[in-house]
Structure formats: structure tokens, C-alpha cells
């Protein structure tokens, strides 16, 4: 019980200090370069979940700092995206169909996300 109270106290202090957590998991924001951050925000224009909601999620999960060489960024059809794309049901179906027709998964995912 004392540990639980200490954790709650720490969370209250972090919240008061303005520290943010990624997706509410208690972890610090993920550090990415300015370019990567800009790409993550820009790709929200294609989000079926809502542009404002997507941009808010990016700002909550990421902060500008050093380039993250492990962040999956890719460009297809002139559009660059980074990270895991949250696909709608229709976009997932499009990706499966495109992949079944011989397109690579990565390309199908980006094209279905941006062009559907």
C-alpha cells in the first residue's frame, strides 16, 4: 500500500510539473527529430480518426530532440509517413487486397492510408 501511495504521489508531482506520458502508460514522450515530428503531424491529414485527434496524439506521444533511427519512416507515391499507421477497417481491407494483388505490405499500407 505504501508503494502504491508513493507511485500516486510521484504521478501527481509529474503532472503538476507539466511532464507528459505517452498514451498514459507512465513513460516519457518518445524523442524524434524535428523532421520526423513534422512528418508525423503532416500524415494526420489522411487520418480517418480525425485530424485534430491524430495531431493531439502525436503531440502527446512525441517530442522534438534527436533523430530516432529506429522509427519506421517510408515514402511511397510521393507521401512520407512514419511510425505505425492507424488504419480504418476500409484501409485494412484495401491493404489486404493490394497485398494479395502483389504489392508489398509497406507500400499497400501507405497507399491505402493516404489515397483511400
PDB file of N, CA and C in Angstrom:
ATOM      1  N   UNK A   1       0.826  -1.189   0.000  1.00  0.00           N
ATOM      2  CA  UNK A   1       0.000   0.000   0.000  1.00  0.00           C
ATOM      3  C   UNK A   1       0.872   1.255   0.000  1.00  0.00           C
ATOM      4  N   UNK A   2       2.000   1.218   0.747  1.00  0.00           N
ATOM      5  CA  UNK A   2       2.888   2.375   0.781  1.00  0.00           C
ATOM      6  C   UNK A   2       3.488   2.637  -0.594  1.00  0.00           C
ATOM      7  N   UNK A   3       3.843   1.537  -1.316  1.00  0.00           N
ATOM      8  CA  UNK A   3       4.383   1.691  -2.671  1.00  0.00           C
ATOM      9  C   UNK A   3       3.362   2.355  -3.578  1.00  0.00           C
ATOM     10  N   UNK A   4       2.122   1.931  -3.468  1.00  0.00           N
ATOM     11  CA  UNK A   4       1.061   2.489  -4.291  1.00  0.00           C
ATOM     12  C   UNK A   4       0.911   3.983  -4.013  1.00  0.00           C
ATOM     13  N   UNK A   5       0.924   4.366  -2.753  1.00  0.00           N
ATOM     14  CA  UNK A   5       0.802   5.778  -2.382  1.00  0.00           C
ATOM     15  C   UNK A   5       1.989   6.575  -2.911  1.00  0.00           C
ATOM     16  N   UNK A   6       3.189   5.983  -2.882  1.00  0.00           N
ATOM     17  CA  UNK A   6       4.372   6.674  -3.387  1.00  0.00           C
ATOM     18  C   UNK A   6       4.280   6.881  -4.894  1.00  0.00           C
ATOM     19  N   UNK A   7       3.778   5.882  -5.593  1.00  0.00           N
ATOM     20  CA  UNK A   7       3.625   5.994  -7.044  1.00  0.00           C
ATOM     21  C   UNK A   7       2.596   7.076  -7.372  1.00  0.00           C
ATOM     22  N   UNK A   8       1.488   7.092  -6.654  1.00  0.00           N
ATOM     23  CA  UNK A   8       0.466   8.119  -6.863  1.00  0.00           C
ATOM     24  C   UNK A   8       1.059   9.502  -6.590  1.00  0.00           C
ATOM     25  N   UNK A   9       1.839   9.634  -5.536  1.00  0.00           N
ATOM     26  CA  UNK A   9       2.482  10.910  -5.218  1.00  0.00           C
ATOM     27  C   UNK A   9       3.419  11.355  -6.329  1.00  0.00           C
ATOM     28  N   UNK A  10       4.187  10.420  -6.876  1.00  0.00           N
ATOM     29  CA  UNK A  10       5.102  10.732  -7.971  1.00  0.00           C
ATOM     30  C   UNK A  10       4.326  11.167  -9.211  1.00  0.00           C
ATOM     31  N   UNK A  11       3.240  10.482  -9.518  1.00  0.00           N
ATOM     32  CA  UNK A  11       2.426  10.856 -10.666  1.00  0.00           C
ATOM     33  C   UNK A  11       1.816  12.241 -10.494  1.00  0.00           C
ATOM     34  N   UNK A  12       1.388  12.561  -9.289  1.00  0.00           N
ATOM     35  CA  UNK A  12       0.826  13.879  -9.023  1.00  0.00           C
ATOM     36  C   UNK A  12       1.895  14.941  -9.220  1.00  0.00           C
ATOM     37  N   UNK A  13       3.125  14.682  -8.733  1.00  0.00           N
ATOM     38  CA  UNK A  13       4.218  15.640  -8.898  1.00  0.00           C
ATOM     39  C   UNK A  13       4.554  15.808 -10.374  1.00  0.00           C
ATOM     40  N   UNK A  14       4.588  14.714 -11.137  1.00  0.00           N
ATOM     41  CA  UNK A  14       4.909  14.791 -12.561  1.00  0.00           C
ATOM     42  C   UNK A  14       3.848  15.585 -13.302  1.00  0.00           C
ATOM     43  N   UNK A  15       2.590  15.365 -12.944  1.00  0.00           N
ATOM     44  CA  UNK A  15       1.501  16.082 -13.591  1.00  0.00           C
ATOM     45  C   UNK A  15       1.588  17.568 -13.272  1.00  0.00           C
ATOM     46  N   UNK A  16       1.871  17.889 -12.034  1.00  0.00           N
ATOM     47  CA  UNK A  16       1.987  19.287 -11.633  1.00  0.00           C
ATOM     48  C   UNK A  16       3.164  19.966 -12.315  1.00  0.00           C
ATOM     49  N   UNK A  17       4.222  19.211 -12.610  1.00  0.00           N
ATOM     50  CA  UNK A  17       5.409  19.799 -13.228  1.00  0.00           C
ATOM     51  C   UNK A  17       5.265  19.959 -14.729  1.00  0.00           C
ATOM     52  N   UNK A  18       4.180  19.403 -15.295  1.00  0.00           N
ATOM     53  CA  UNK A  18       3.961  19.530 -16.729  1.00  0.00           C
ATOM     54  C   UNK A  18       4.509  18.361 -17.524  1.00  0.00           C
ATOM     55  N   UNK A  19       5.087  17.357 -16.879  1.00  0.00           N
ATOM     56  CA  UNK A  19       5.595  16.189 -17.601  1.00  0.00           C
ATOM     57  C   UNK A  19       4.420  15.444 -18.208  1.00  0.00           C
ATOM     58  N   UNK A  20       4.625  14.902 -19.385  1.00  0.00           N
ATOM     59  CA  UNK A  20       3.546  14.167 -20.038  1.00  0.00           C
ATOM     60  C   UNK A  20       3.955  12.722 -20.239  1.00  0.00           C
ATOM     61  N   UNK A  21       2.976  11.878 -20.363  1.00  0.00           N
ATOM     62  CA  UNK A  21       3.219  10.463 -20.595  1.00  0.00           C
ATOM     63  C   UNK A  21       2.703  10.083 -21.959  1.00  0.00           C
ATOM     64  N   UNK A  22       3.353   9.130 -22.581  1.00  0.00           N
ATOM     65  CA  UNK A  22       2.919   8.641 -23.888  1.00  0.00           C
ATOM     66  C   UNK A  22       1.773   7.678 -23.691  1.00  0.00           C
ATOM     67  N   UNK A  23       0.650   8.012 -24.262  1.00  0.00           N
ATOM     68  CA  UNK A  23      -0.531   7.154 -24.248  1.00  0.00           C
ATOM     69  C   UNK A  23      -0.921   6.729 -22.839  1.00  0.00           C
ATOM     70  N   UNK A  24      -0.585   7.538 -21.826  1.00  0.00           N
ATOM     71  CA  UNK A  24      -0.978   7.243 -20.466  1.00  0.00           C
ATOM     72  C   UNK A  24      -0.299   6.032 -19.869  1.00  0.00           C
ATOM     73  N   UNK A  25       0.830   5.613 -20.440  1.00  0.00           N
ATOM     74  CA  UNK A  25       1.475   4.398 -19.950  1.00  0.00           C
ATOM     75  C   UNK A  25       2.560   4.676 -18.917  1.00  0.00           C
ATOM     76  N   UNK A  26       2.707   5.934 -18.492  1.00  0.00           N
ATOM     77  CA  UNK A  26       3.700   6.260 -17.483  1.00  0.00           C
ATOM     78  C   UNK A  26       5.091   6.437 -18.040  1.00  0.00           C
ATOM     79  N   UNK A  27       5.260   6.366 -19.343  1.00  0.00           N
ATOM     80  CA  UNK A  27       6.574   6.504 -19.946  1.00  0.00           C
ATOM     81  C   UNK A  27       6.728   7.909 -20.496  1.00  0.00           C
ATOM     82  N   UNK A  28       7.978   8.334 -20.646  1.00  0.00           N
ATOM     83  CA  UNK A  28       8.245   9.644 -21.212  1.00  0.00           C
ATOM     84  C   UNK A  28       7.879   9.669 -22.682  1.00  0.00           C
ATOM     85  N   UNK A  29       7.740  10.888 -23.205  1.00  0.00           N
ATOM     86  CA  UNK A  29       7.473  11.036 -24.625  1.00  0.00           C
ATOM     87  C   UNK A  29       8.640  10.475 -25.422  1.00  0.00           C
ATOM     88  N   UNK A  30       8.337  10.006 -26.593  1.00  0.00           N
ATOM     89  CA  UNK A  30       9.329   9.418 -27.488  1.00  0.00           C
ATOM     90  C   UNK A  30      10.033  10.549 -28.229  1.00  0.00           C
ATOM     91  N   UNK A  31      11.343  10.559 -28.219  1.00  0.00           N
ATOM     92  CA  UNK A  31      12.113  11.628 -28.846  1.00  0.00           C
ATOM     93  C   UNK A  31      12.365  11.338 -30.322  1.00  0.00           C
ATOM     94  N   UNK A  32      12.047  12.323 -31.176  1.00  0.00           N
ATOM     95  CA  UNK A  32      12.253  12.226 -32.620  1.00  0.00           C
ATOM     96  C   UNK A  32      12.834  13.550 -33.109  1.00  0.00           C
ATOM     97  N   UNK A  33      13.376  13.553 -34.322  1.00  0.00           N
ATOM     98  CA  UNK A  33      13.912  14.793 -34.902  1.00  0.00           C
ATOM     99  C   UNK A  33      12.767  15.726 -35.284  1.00  0.00           C
ATOM    100  N   UNK A  34      13.119  16.987 -35.547  1.00  0.00           N
ATOM    101  CA  UNK A  34      12.098  17.947 -35.993  1.00  0.00           C
ATOM    102  C   UNK A  34      11.453  17.460 -37.292  1.00  0.00           C
ATOM    103  N   UNK A  35      12.271  16.937 -38.204  1.00  0.00           N
ATOM    104  CA  UNK A  35      11.745  16.440 -39.476  1.00  0.00           C
ATOM    105  C   UNK A  35      10.769  15.284 -39.252  1.00  0.00           C
ATOM    106  N   UNK A  36      11.144  14.337 -38.376  1.00  0.00           N
ATOM    107  CA  UNK A  36      10.260  13.210 -38.095  1.00  0.00           C
ATOM    108  C   UNK A  36       8.962  13.699 -37.446  1.00  0.00           C
ATOM    109  N   UNK A  37       9.066  14.642 -36.525  1.00  0.00           N
ATOM    110  CA  UNK A  37       7.893  15.190 -35.852  1.00  0.00           C
ATOM    111  C   UNK A  37       6.959  15.852 -36.875  1.00  0.00           C
ATOM    112  N   UNK A  38       7.547  16.627 -37.792  1.00  0.00           N
ATOM    113  CA  UNK A  38       6.755  17.293 -38.830  1.00  0.00           C
ATOM    114  C   UNK A  38       6.046  16.278 -39.729  1.00  0.00           C
ATOM    115  N   UNK A  39       6.725  15.186 -40.060  1.00  0.00           N
ATOM    116  CA  UNK A  39       6.118  14.127 -40.876  1.00  0.00           C
ATOM    117  C   UNK A  39       4.956  13.485 -40.123  1.00  0.00           C
ATOM    118  N   UNK A  40       5.170  13.182 -38.838  1.00  0.00           N
ATOM    119  CA  UNK A  40       4.112  12.570 -38.036  1.00  0.00           C
ATOM    120  C   UNK A  40       2.878  13.471 -37.978  1.00  0.00           C
ATOM    121  N   UNK A  41       3.078  14.773 -37.820  1.00  0.00           N
ATOM    122  CA  UNK A  41       1.946  15.706 -37.815  1.00  0.00           C
ATOM    123  C   UNK A  41       1.291  15.788 -39.191  1.00  0.00           C
ATOM    124  N   UNK A  42       2.118  15.873 -40.237  1.00  0.00           N
ATOM    125  CA  UNK A  42       1.590  16.019 -41.602  1.00  0.00           C
ATOM    126  C   UNK A  42       0.773  14.812 -42.030  1.00  0.00           C
ATOM    127  N   UNK A  43       1.164  13.625 -41.606  1.00  0.00           N
ATOM    128  CA  UNK A  43       0.424  12.439 -42.036  1.00  0.00           C
ATOM    129  C   UNK A  43      -0.970  12.387 -41.419  1.00  0.00           C
ATOM    130  N   UNK A  44      -1.232  13.224 -40.437  1.00  0.00           N
ATOM    131  CA  UNK A  44      -2.569  13.275 -39.833  1.00  0.00           C
ATOM    132  C   UNK A  44      -3.623  13.774 -40.811  1.00  0.00           C
ATOM    133  N   UNK A  45      -3.215  14.461 -41.867  1.00  0.00           N
ATOM    134  CA  UNK A  45      -4.197  14.963 -42.843  1.00  0.00           C
ATOM    135  C   UNK A  45      -4.944  13.808 -43.508  1.00  0.00           C
ATOM    136  N   UNK A  46      -4.392  12.599 -43.440  1.00  0.00           N
ATOM    137  CA  UNK A  46      -5.017  11.429 -44.056  1.00  0.00           C
ATOM    138  C   UNK A  46      -5.779  10.568 -43.048  1.00  0.00           C
ATOM    139  N   UNK A  47      -5.729  10.922 -41.784  1.00  0.00           N
ATOM    140  CA  UNK A  47      -6.296  10.075 -40.732  1.00  0.00           C
ATOM    141  C   UNK A  47      -7.820  10.046 -40.779  1.00  0.00           C
ATOM    142  N   UNK A  48      -8.377   8.848 -40.850  1.00  0.00           N
ATOM    143  CA  UNK A  48      -9.833   8.693 -40.800  1.00  0.00           C
ATOM    144  C   UNK A  48     -10.362   8.908 -39.383  1.00  0.00           C
ATOM    145  N   UNK A  49      -9.474   8.877 -38.398  1.00  0.00           N
ATOM    146  CA  UNK A  49      -9.878   9.054 -36.999  1.00  0.00           C
ATOM    147  C   UNK A  49     -10.042  10.522 -36.644  1.00  0.00           C
ATOM    148  N   UNK A  50      -9.739  11.411 -37.565  1.00  0.00           N
ATOM    149  CA  UNK A  50      -9.860  12.842 -37.321  1.00  0.00           C
ATOM    150  C   UNK A  50      -8.500  13.500 -37.226  1.00  0.00           C
ATOM    151  N   UNK A  51      -8.343  14.570 -37.945  1.00  0.00           N
ATOM    152  CA  UNK A  51      -7.055  15.263 -37.993  1.00  0.00           C
ATOM    153  C   UNK A  51      -6.650  15.817 -36.637  1.00  0.00           C
ATOM    154  N   UNK A  52      -7.565  16.474 -35.961  1.00  0.00           N
ATOM    155  CA  UNK A  52      -7.248  17.093 -34.668  1.00  0.00           C
ATOM    156  C   UNK A  52      -6.881  16.032 -33.634  1.00  0.00           C
ATOM    157  N   UNK A  53      -7.607  14.949 -33.624  1.00  0.00           N
ATOM    158  CA  UNK A  53      -7.339  13.859 -32.671  1.00  0.00           C
ATOM    159  C   UNK A  53      -5.963  13.244 -32.954  1.00  0.00           C
ATOM    160  N   UNK A  54      -5.662  13.054 -34.228  1.00  0.00           N
ATOM    161  CA  UNK A  54      -4.370  12.499 -34.629  1.00  0.00           C
ATOM    162  C   UNK A  54      -3.229  13.423 -34.206  1.00  0.00           C
ATOM    163  N   UNK A  55      -3.371  14.716 -34.493  1.00  0.00           N
ATOM    164  CA  UNK A  55      -2.318  15.671 -34.139  1.00  0.00           C
ATOM    165  C   UNK A  55      -2.119  15.760 -32.627  1.00  0.00           C
ATOM    166  N   UNK A  56      -3.196  15.698 -31.882  1.00  0.00           N
ATOM    167  CA  UNK A  56      -3.100  15.711 -30.422  1.00  0.00           C
ATOM    168  C   UNK A  56      -2.342  14.475 -29.926  1.00  0.00           C
ATOM    169  N   UNK A  57      -2.614  13.335 -30.545  1.00  0.00           N
ATOM    170  CA  UNK A  57      -1.923  12.103 -30.161  1.00  0.00           C
ATOM    171  C   UNK A  57      -0.427  12.195 -30.473  1.00  0.00           C
ATOM    172  N   UNK A  58      -0.074  12.788 -31.616  1.00  0.00           N
ATOM    173  CA  UNK A  58       1.340  12.962 -31.963  1.00  0.00           C
ATOM    174  C   UNK A  58       2.022  13.845 -30.918  1.00  0.00           C
ATOM    175  N   UNK A  59       1.397  14.962 -30.582  1.00  0.00           N
ATOM    176  CA  UNK A  59       1.991  15.886 -29.604  1.00  0.00           C
ATOM    177  C   UNK A  59       2.118  15.244 -28.225  1.00  0.00           C
ATOM    178  N   UNK A  60       1.201  14.343 -27.913  1.00  0.00           N
ATOM    179  CA  UNK A  60       1.243  13.656 -26.625  1.00  0.00           C
ATOM    180  C   UNK A  60       2.352  12.602 -26.586  1.00  0.00           C
ATOM    181  N   UNK A  61       2.562  11.908 -27.694  1.00  0.00           N
ATOM    182  CA  UNK A  61       3.485  10.767 -27.716  1.00  0.00           C
ATOM    183  C   UNK A  61       4.922  11.114 -28.078  1.00  0.00           C
ATOM    184  N   UNK A  62       5.125  12.218 -28.803  1.00  0.00           N
ATOM    185  CA  UNK A  62       6.457  12.531 -29.321  1.00  0.00           C
ATOM    186  C   UNK A  62       6.908  13.914 -28.892  1.00  0.00           C
ATOM    187  N   UNK A  63       8.224  14.090 -28.800  1.00  0.00           N
ATOM    188  CA  UNK A  63       8.813  15.403 -28.573  1.00  0.00           C
ATOM    189  C   UNK A  63      10.040  15.537 -29.458  1.00  0.00           C
ATOM    190  N   UNK A  64      10.361  16.762 -29.820  1.00  0.00           N
ATOM    191  CA  UNK A  64      11.493  17.015 -30.699  1.00  0.00           C
ATOM    192  C   UNK A  64      12.787  16.919 -29.912  1.00  0.00           C
ATOM    193  N   UNK A  65      13.727  16.209 -30.485  1.00  0.00           N
ATOM    194  CA  UNK A  65      15.047  16.026 -29.887  1.00  0.00           C
ATOM    195  C   UNK A  65      15.971  15.429 -30.932  1.00  0.00           C
ATOM    196  N   UNK A  66      16.508  14.279 -30.620  1.00  0.00           N
ATOM    197  CA  UNK A  66      17.398  13.588 -31.562  1.00  0.00           C
ATOM    198  C   UNK A  66      16.613  12.734 -32.542  1.00  0.00           C
ATOM    199  N   UNK A  67      17.213  12.522 -33.707  1.00  0.00           N
ATOM    200  CA  UNK A  67      16.622  11.638 -34.707  1.00  0.00           C
ATOM    201  C   UNK A  67      16.510  10.228 -34.137  1.00  0.00           C
ATOM    202  N   UNK A  68      15.364   9.616 -34.322  1.00  0.00           N
ATOM    203  CA  UNK A  68      15.162   8.225 -33.918  1.00  0.00           C
ATOM    204  C   UNK A  68      15.394   7.354 -35.148  1.00  0.00           C
ATOM    205  N   UNK A  69      16.557   6.727 -35.211  1.00  0.00           N
ATOM    206  CA  UNK A  69      16.897   5.908 -36.376  1.00  0.00           C
ATOM    207  C   UNK A  69      16.070   4.629 -36.446  1.00  0.00           C
ATOM    208  N   UNK A  70      15.388   4.281 -35.359  1.00  0.00           N
ATOM    209  CA  UNK A  70      14.561   3.077 -35.377  1.00  0.00           C
ATOM    210  C   UNK A  70      13.112   3.364 -35.776  1.00  0.00           C
ATOM    211  N   UNK A  71      12.750   4.652 -35.905  1.00  0.00           N
ATOM    212  CA  UNK A  71      11.388   4.991 -36.311  1.00  0.00           C
ATOM    213  C   UNK A  71      11.191   4.611 -37.778  1.00  0.00           C
ATOM    214  N   UNK A  72      10.165   3.845 -38.043  1.00  0.00           N
ATOM    215  CA  UNK A  72       9.900   3.340 -39.387  1.00  0.00           C
ATOM    216  C   UNK A  72       9.284   4.442 -40.243  1.00  0.00           C
ATOM    217  N   UNK A  73      10.101   5.104 -41.045  1.00  0.00           N
ATOM    218  CA  UNK A  73       9.624   6.123 -41.986  1.00  0.00           C
ATOM    219  C   UNK A  73       9.783   5.578 -43.394  1.00  0.00           C
ATOM    220  N   UNK A  74       8.778   5.819 -44.242  1.00  0.00           N
ATOM    221  CA  UNK A  74       8.826   5.324 -45.612  1.00  0.00           C
ATOM    222  C   UNK A  74       8.052   6.273 -46.526  1.00  0.00           C
ATOM    223  N   UNK A  75       8.464   6.279 -47.794  1.00  0.00           N
ATOM    224  CA  UNK A  75       7.842   7.152 -48.786  1.00  0.00           C
ATOM    225  C   UNK A  75       7.373   6.315 -49.976  1.00  0.00           C
ATOM    226  N   UNK A  76       6.108   6.467 -50.299  1.00  0.00           N
ATOM    227  CA  UNK A  76       5.524   5.828 -51.474  1.00  0.00           C
ATOM    228  C   UNK A  76       4.560   6.826 -52.106  1.00  0.00           C
ATOM    229  N   UNK A  77       4.516   6.851 -53.418  1.00  0.00           N
ATOM    230  CA  UNK A  77       3.624   7.745 -54.155  1.00  0.00           C
ATOM    231  C   UNK A  77       3.783   9.198 -53.717  1.00  0.00           C
ATOM    232  N   UNK A  78       5.003   9.567 -53.384  1.00  0.00           N
ATOM    233  CA  UNK A  78       5.296  10.948 -53.015  1.00  0.00           C
ATOM    234  C   UNK A  78       4.870  11.358 -51.624  1.00  0.00           C
ATOM    235  N   UNK A  79       4.431  10.409 -50.811  1.00  0.00           N
ATOM    236  CA  UNK A  79       3.986  10.716 -49.456  1.00  0.00           C
ATOM    237  C   UNK A  79       4.877   9.974 -48.468  1.00  0.00           C
ATOM    238  N   UNK A  80       5.391  10.713 -47.480  1.00  0.00           N
ATOM    239  CA  UNK A  80       6.214  10.103 -46.437  1.00  0.00           C
ATOM    240  C   UNK A  80       5.394   9.981 -45.168  1.00  0.00           C
ATOM    241  N   UNK A  81       5.469   8.819 -44.538  1.00  0.00           N
ATOM    242  CA  UNK A  81       4.824   8.577 -43.246  1.00  0.00           C
ATOM    243  C   UNK A  81       5.842   7.942 -42.318  1.00  0.00           C
ATOM    244  N   UNK A  82       5.599   8.077 -41.036  1.00  0.00           N
ATOM    245  CA  UNK A  82       6.475   7.460 -40.029  1.00  0.00           C
ATOM    246  C   UNK A  82       5.627   6.743 -38.999  1.00  0.00           C
ATOM    247  N   UNK A  83       6.204   5.717 -38.414  1.00  0.00           N
ATOM    248  CA  UNK A  83       5.560   5.014 -37.313  1.00  0.00           C
ATOM    249  C   UNK A  83       4.472   4.068 -37.780  1.00  0.00           C
ATOM    250  N   UNK A  84       3.701   3.614 -36.824  1.00  0.00           N
ATOM    251  CA  UNK A  84       2.607   2.688 -37.075  1.00  0.00           C
ATOM    252  C   UNK A  84       1.383   3.488 -37.497  1.00  0.00           C
ATOM    253  N   UNK A  85       0.802   3.117 -38.607  1.00  0.00           N
ATOM    254  CA  UNK A  85      -0.382   3.810 -39.104  1.00  0.00           C
ATOM    255  C   UNK A  85      -1.631   3.177 -38.506  1.00  0.00           C
ATOM    256  N   UNK A  86      -2.538   4.015 -38.036  1.00  0.00           N
ATOM    257  CA  UNK A  86      -3.813   3.527 -37.516  1.00  0.00           C
ATOM    258  C   UNK A  86      -4.793   3.496 -38.688  1.00  0.00           C
ATOM    259  N   UNK A  87      -5.000   2.297 -39.207  1.00  0.00           N
ATOM    260  CA  UNK A  87      -5.836   2.132 -40.401  1.00  0.00           C
ATOM    261  C   UNK A  87      -7.292   1.879 -40.037  1.00  0.00           C
ATOM    262  N   UNK A  88      -8.182   2.446 -40.836  1.00  0.00           N
ATOM    263  CA  UNK A  88      -9.608   2.172 -40.678  1.00  0.00           C
ATOM    264  C   UNK A  88      -9.891   0.763 -41.205  1.00  0.00           C
ATOM    265  N   UNK A  89     -11.086   0.291 -40.995  1.00  0.00           N
ATOM    266  CA  UNK A  89     -11.473  -1.034 -41.498  1.00  0.00           C
ATOM    267  C   UNK A  89     -11.319  -1.081 -43.018  1.00  0.00           C
ATOM    268  N   UNK A  90     -11.773  -0.030 -43.698  1.00  0.00           N
ATOM    269  CA  UNK A  90     -11.676   0.017 -45.163  1.00  0.00           C
ATOM    270  C   UNK A  90     -10.218   0.040 -45.612  1.00  0.00           C
ATOM    271  N   UNK A  91      -9.374   0.772 -44.900  1.00  0.00           N
ATOM    272  CA  UNK A  91      -7.956   0.839 -45.252  1.00  0.00           C
ATOM    273  C   UNK A  91      -7.262  -0.500 -45.027  1.00  0.00           C
ATOM    274  N   UNK A  92      -7.654  -1.207 -43.985  1.00  0.00           N
ATOM    275  CA  UNK A  92      -7.088  -2.546 -43.754  1.00  0.00           C
ATOM    276  C   UNK A  92      -7.499  -3.496 -44.867  1.00  0.00           C
ATOM    277  N   UNK A  93      -8.756  -3.423 -45.298  1.00  0.00           N
ATOM    278  CA  UNK A  93      -9.233  -4.267 -46.403  1.00  0.00           C
ATOM    279  C   UNK A  93      -8.491  -3.917 -47.682  1.00  0.00           C
ATOM    280  N   UNK A  94      -8.299  -2.632 -47.932  1.00  0.00           N
ATOM    281  CA  UNK A  94      -7.554  -2.177 -49.104  1.00  0.00           C
ATOM    282  C   UNK A  94      -6.132  -2.721 -49.072  1.00  0.00           C
ATOM    283  N   UNK A  95      -5.511  -2.674 -47.898  1.00  0.00           N
ATOM    284  CA  UNK A  95      -4.136  -3.163 -47.751  1.00  0.00           C
ATOM    285  C   UNK A  95      -4.071  -4.658 -48.049  1.00  0.00           C
ATOM    286  N   UNK A  96      -5.012  -5.422 -47.511  1.00  0.00           N
ATOM    287  CA  UNK A  96      -5.043  -6.883 -47.760  1.00  0.00           C
ATOM    288  C   UNK A  96      -5.229  -7.169 -49.244  1.00  0.00           C
ATOM    289  N   UNK A  97      -6.159  -6.453 -49.875  1.00  0.00           N
ATOM    290  CA  UNK A  97      -6.433  -6.672 -51.302  1.00  0.00           C
ATOM    291  C   UNK A  97      -5.217  -6.310 -52.155  1.00  0.00           C
ATOM    292  N   UNK A  98      -4.583  -5.197 -51.848  1.00  0.00           N
ATOM    293  CA  UNK A  98      -3.410  -4.751 -52.609  1.00  0.00           C
ATOM    294  C   UNK A  98      -2.248  -5.720 -52.427  1.00  0.00           C
ATOM    295  N   UNK A  99      -2.088  -6.193 -51.210  1.00  0.00           N
ATOM    296  CA  UNK A  99      -1.017  -7.156 -50.934  1.00  0.00           C
ATOM    297  C   UNK A  99      -1.283  -8.470 -51.667  1.00  0.00           C
ATOM    298  N   UNK A 100      -2.530  -8.899 -51.680  1.00  0.00           N
ATOM    299  CA  UNK A 100      -2.895 -10.129 -52.388  1.00  0.00           C
ATOM    300  C   UNK A 100      -2.667  -9.988 -53.896  1.00  0.00           C
ATOM    301  N   UNK A 101      -2.749  -8.758 -54.394  1.00  0.00           N
ATOM    302  CA  UNK A 101      -2.526  -8.496 -55.818  1.00  0.00           C
ATOM    303  C   UNK A 101      -1.041  -8.343 -56.149  1.00  0.00           C
ATOM    304  N   UNK A 102      -0.184  -8.479 -55.149  1.00  0.00           N
ATOM    305  CA  UNK A 102       1.252  -8.471 -55.393  1.00  0.00           C
ATOM    306  C   UNK A 102       2.012  -7.255 -54.909  1.00  0.00           C
ATOM    307  N   UNK A 103       1.336  -6.274 -54.343  1.00  0.00           N
ATOM    308  CA  UNK A 103       2.018  -5.094 -53.829  1.00  0.00           C
ATOM    309  C   UNK A 103       2.644  -5.423 -52.472  1.00  0.00           C
ATOM    310  N   UNK A 104       3.780  -4.818 -52.172  1.00  0.00           N
ATOM    311  CA  UNK A 104       4.390  -5.049 -50.861  1.00  0.00           C
ATOM    312  C   UNK A 104       3.478  -4.493 -49.772  1.00  0.00           C
ATOM    313  N   UNK A 105       3.540  -5.096 -48.596  1.00  0.00           N
ATOM    314  CA  UNK A 105       2.687  -4.645 -47.492  1.00  0.00           C
ATOM    315  C   UNK A 105       2.946  -3.181 -47.167  1.00  0.00           C
ATOM    316  N   UNK A 106       4.221  -2.798 -47.090  1.00  0.00           N
ATOM    317  CA  UNK A 106       4.571  -1.422 -46.708  1.00  0.00           C
ATOM    318  C   UNK A 106       3.981  -0.416 -47.698  1.00  0.00           C
ATOM    319  N   UNK A 107       4.085  -0.700 -48.973  1.00  0.00           N
ATOM    320  CA  UNK A 107       3.536   0.221 -49.979  1.00  0.00           C
ATOM    321  C   UNK A 107       2.009   0.234 -49.918  1.00  0.00           C
ATOM    322  N   UNK A 108       1.409  -0.944 -49.819  1.00  0.00           N
ATOM    323  CA  UNK A 108      -0.053  -1.036 -49.759  1.00  0.00           C
ATOM    324  C   UNK A 108      -0.579  -0.270 -48.546  1.00  0.00           C
ATOM    325  N   UNK A 109       0.070  -0.417 -47.420  1.00  0.00           N
ATOM    326  CA  UNK A 109      -0.365   0.266 -46.196  1.00  0.00           C
ATOM    327  C   UNK A 109      -0.347   1.785 -46.389  1.00  0.00           C
ATOM    328  N   UNK A 110       0.744   2.316 -46.934  1.00  0.00           N
ATOM    329  CA  UNK A 110       0.869   3.759 -47.127  1.00  0.00           C
ATOM    330  C   UNK A 110      -0.133   4.237 -48.166  1.00  0.00           C
ATOM    331  N   UNK A 111      -0.222   3.548 -49.287  1.00  0.00           N
ATOM    332  CA  UNK A 111      -1.138   3.996 -50.340  1.00  0.00           C
ATOM    333  C   UNK A 111      -2.599   3.914 -49.909  1.00  0.00           C
ATOM    334  N   UNK A 112      -2.963   2.859 -49.211  1.00  0.00           N
ATOM    335  CA  UNK A 112      -4.343   2.749 -48.756  1.00  0.00           C
ATOM    336  C   UNK A 112      -4.667   3.796 -47.674  1.00  0.00           C
ATOM    337  N   UNK A 113      -3.689   4.115 -46.842  1.00  0.00           N
ATOM    338  CA  UNK A 113      -3.871   5.142 -45.799  1.00  0.00           C
ATOM    339  C   UNK A 113      -4.026   6.524 -46.416  1.00  0.00           C
ATOM    340  N   UNK A 114      -3.220   6.815 -47.423  1.00  0.00           N
ATOM    341  CA  UNK A 114      -3.202   8.171 -47.971  1.00  0.00           C
ATOM    342  C   UNK A 114      -4.148   8.386 -49.138  1.00  0.00           C
ATOM    343  N   UNK A 115      -4.495   7.342 -49.862  1.00  0.00           N
ATOM    344  CA  UNK A 115      -5.279   7.517 -51.073  1.00  0.00           C
ATOM    345  C   UNK A 115      -6.719   7.016 -50.965  1.00  0.00           C
ATOM    346  N   UNK A 116      -7.058   6.385 -49.844  1.00  0.00           N
ATOM    347  CA  UNK A 116      -8.442   5.861 -49.689  1.00  0.00           C
ATOM    348  C   UNK A 116      -9.353   6.922 -49.138  1.00  0.00           C
TER     349      UNK A 116
END
